[in-house]
Amino acid sequence: MATKMSLRAILAVVLLSLSTLASAAGFSFQDTQGKKHTLDGYKGKWVLVNFWATWCPPCLEEIPDLIALHDKHKDKDLVVLGVALDYRSPQQVKEFADQMFITYPIILGTYESAAQVGAVNGLPTTYLFNPQGKIVAYNVGALTRKAIENYIKAKK
């Protein structure tokens, strides 16, 4: 039992260290339109980075809320970035995003590029950075627009 607790404690420290490194170093992605997105480029805004896949039911569930969140806040205080993982082809992701009417930037990612932000142990995985560029929330599983807005409102 003590060994399990020690391993959990070590894992927690490692994950916290990785999160700190990611928020300190930032990230750099290029979306399907060729635009570069960096954490530094969004200073002063909340940044939600959502890792997803076209075959993932919970990912599909949260897409309408992420679209609504992005459309409501993109010119004010928050940006949503969708990083597609585990896909067959770039064209498949682009067509899927068009069919879903996704308005936020879509990035063709890999698990290696995702490591710039943090661990992705399941899909969807979402990281939220505060306006100062620090990771303040991490979630595996579907999120709602209301939950995200309530979280941000509580932190302001």
Protein backbone atom coordinates (compact mmCIF):
# COMPACT_ATOMS: atom_id res chain seq x y z
CA MET A 1 0.00 0.00 0.00
CA ALA A 2 2.82 2.40 0.87
CA THR A 3 4.39 1.69 -2.53
CA LYS A 4 1.17 2.59 -4.34
CA MET A 5 0.91 5.83 -2.40
CA SER A 6 4.55 6.68 -3.14
CA LEU A 7 4.06 6.03 -6.86
CA ARG A 8 0.94 8.20 -6.87
CA ALA A 9 2.79 11.00 -5.10
CA ILE A 10 5.68 10.79 -7.58
CA LEU A 11 3.28 10.73 -10.53
CA ALA A 12 1.46 13.79 -9.17
CA VAL A 13 4.74 15.70 -8.85
CA VAL A 14 5.81 14.69 -12.38
CA LEU A 15 2.46 15.77 -13.86
CA LEU A 16 2.59 19.07 -11.98
CA SER A 17 6.16 19.63 -13.22
CA LEU A 18 5.12 18.90 -16.81
CA SER A 19 2.21 21.32 -16.52
CA THR A 20 4.50 24.00 -15.15
CA LEU A 21 7.00 23.45 -17.96
CA ALA A 22 4.25 23.60 -20.58
CA SER A 23 2.86 26.85 -19.24
CA ALA A 24 6.34 28.34 -18.93
CA ALA A 25 7.46 27.29 -22.42
CA GLY A 26 4.13 27.83 -24.17
CA PHE A 27 3.20 26.20 -27.42
CA SER A 28 3.27 26.83 -31.13
CA PHE A 29 0.78 25.25 -33.55
CA GLN A 30 -0.20 25.91 -37.14
CA ASP A 31 -3.88 25.54 -38.05
CA THR A 32 -5.38 24.10 -41.24
CA GLN A 33 -5.55 27.61 -42.71
CA GLY A 34 -1.80 28.14 -42.22
CA LYS A 35 -2.13 30.55 -39.28
CA LYS A 36 0.34 30.19 -36.41
CA HIS A 37 -1.04 30.02 -32.85
CA THR A 38 1.24 30.56 -29.85
CA LEU A 39 0.46 30.92 -26.17
CA ASP A 40 2.38 34.22 -26.14
CA GLY A 41 0.20 35.46 -29.00
CA TYR A 42 -2.86 35.21 -26.76
CA LYS A 43 -1.53 37.02 -23.68
CA GLY A 44 -4.41 38.72 -21.91
CA LYS A 45 -6.94 36.10 -23.06
CA TRP A 46 -8.08 32.77 -21.71
CA VAL A 47 -6.90 29.97 -24.03
CA LEU A 48 -8.74 26.67 -24.21
CA VAL A 49 -6.81 23.92 -26.01
CA ASN A 50 -9.04 20.95 -26.81
CA PHE A 51 -7.55 17.66 -28.03
CA TRP A 52 -10.10 15.58 -29.92
CA ALA A 53 -10.66 12.99 -32.66
CA THR A 54 -13.31 12.60 -35.34
CA TRP A 55 -14.18 9.06 -34.12
CA CYS A 56 -14.61 10.06 -30.44
CA PRO A 57 -18.29 10.30 -29.29
CA PRO A 58 -17.64 12.60 -26.27
CA CYS A 59 -15.56 14.85 -28.55
CA LEU A 60 -18.48 15.15 -30.96
CA GLU A 61 -20.80 15.88 -28.04
CA GLU A 62 -18.83 18.91 -26.90
CA ILE A 63 -18.15 20.46 -30.34
CA PRO A 64 -21.41 22.53 -30.45
CA ASP A 65 -20.63 24.00 -27.01
CA LEU A 66 -17.04 24.78 -28.03
CA ILE A 67 -18.33 26.51 -31.18
CA ALA A 68 -20.77 28.57 -29.08
CA LEU A 69 -18.05 29.42 -26.56
CA HIS A 70 -15.62 30.48 -29.28
CA ASP A 71 -18.18 32.51 -31.21
CA LYS A 72 -19.33 34.35 -28.06
CA HIS A 73 -15.86 35.18 -26.72
CA LYS A 74 -13.35 35.15 -29.60
CA ASP A 75 -13.21 38.92 -30.01
CA LYS A 76 -13.15 39.56 -26.27
CA ASP A 77 -11.51 37.37 -23.69
CA LEU A 78 -11.16 33.75 -24.81
CA VAL A 79 -9.93 31.67 -27.72
CA VAL A 80 -10.65 28.00 -28.44
CA LEU A 81 -8.11 25.89 -30.31
CA GLY A 82 -9.08 22.40 -31.46
CA VAL A 83 -6.19 19.99 -31.92
CA ALA A 84 -7.19 16.92 -33.91
CA LEU A 85 -5.34 13.74 -32.99
CA ASP A 86 -5.42 10.18 -34.26
CA TYR A 87 -6.81 10.94 -37.71
CA ARG A 88 -6.55 9.13 -41.06
CA SER A 89 -5.69 12.15 -43.21
CA PRO A 90 -5.58 15.94 -43.02
CA GLN A 91 -8.33 16.10 -45.65
CA GLN A 92 -10.62 13.92 -43.53
CA VAL A 93 -10.22 16.30 -40.55
CA LYS A 94 -10.84 19.39 -42.70
CA GLU A 95 -13.98 17.88 -44.25
CA PHE A 96 -15.22 16.80 -40.83
CA ALA A 97 -14.67 20.30 -39.39
CA ASP A 98 -16.57 21.81 -42.33
CA GLN A 99 -19.46 19.36 -41.87
CA MET A 100 -19.64 20.20 -38.15
CA PHE A 101 -19.48 23.97 -38.91
CA ILE A 102 -16.52 24.37 -36.57
CA THR A 103 -15.60 28.05 -36.38
CA TYR A 104 -12.58 27.85 -34.08
CA PRO A 105 -9.09 27.10 -35.44
CA ILE A 106 -8.38 23.42 -36.14
CA ILE A 107 -4.84 22.15 -35.77
CA LEU A 108 -3.60 18.86 -37.16
CA GLY A 109 -1.73 17.52 -34.17
CA THR A 110 0.28 14.53 -33.09
CA TYR A 111 0.83 13.19 -29.60
CA GLU A 112 4.36 14.59 -29.84
CA SER A 113 3.11 18.11 -30.67
CA ALA A 114 0.44 17.78 -27.96
CA ALA A 115 3.22 17.35 -25.40
CA GLN A 116 3.91 21.09 -25.78
CA VAL A 117 0.74 21.59 -23.76
CA GLY A 118 0.61 18.47 -21.58
CA ALA A 119 -0.30 14.82 -21.37
CA VAL A 120 -3.23 13.52 -23.40
CA ASN A 121 -4.33 10.33 -21.67
CA GLY A 122 -7.79 10.16 -23.21
CA LEU A 123 -9.99 12.05 -25.63
CA PRO A 124 -11.24 14.66 -25.38
CA THR A 125 -8.62 16.31 -23.19
CA THR A 126 -8.81 20.02 -22.53
CA TYR A 127 -6.31 22.44 -21.01
CA LEU A 128 -7.29 25.96 -19.96
CA PHE A 129 -4.68 28.70 -19.70
CA ASN A 130 -5.42 31.92 -17.83
CA PRO A 131 -4.71 35.36 -19.37
CA GLN A 132 -1.20 35.26 -17.85
CA GLY A 133 -0.41 32.04 -19.74
CA LYS A 134 -0.54 29.59 -16.81
CA ILE A 135 -2.39 26.27 -16.96
CA VAL A 136 -5.26 26.59 -14.50
CA ALA A 137 -7.47 23.64 -15.45
CA TYR A 138 -7.21 20.24 -17.07
CA ASN A 139 -10.06 17.91 -17.97
CA VAL A 140 -10.39 14.50 -19.60
CA GLY A 141 -13.91 14.04 -20.95
CA ALA A 142 -16.55 16.25 -22.50
CA LEU A 143 -17.05 19.80 -21.27
CA THR A 144 -19.92 22.24 -21.65
CA ARG A 145 -19.82 25.91 -22.55
CA LYS A 146 -21.62 26.71 -19.30
CA ALA A 147 -19.07 24.83 -17.17
CA ILE A 148 -16.18 26.68 -18.83
CA GLU A 149 -17.86 30.08 -18.53
CA ASN A 150 -18.71 29.43 -14.87
CA TYR A 151 -15.13 28.39 -14.14
CA ILE A 152 -13.71 31.53 -15.77
CA LYS A 153 -16.28 33.76 -14.05
CA ALA A 154 -15.32 32.30 -10.66
CA LYS A 155 -11.62 33.02 -11.34
CA LYS A 156 -12.06 36.65 -12.40
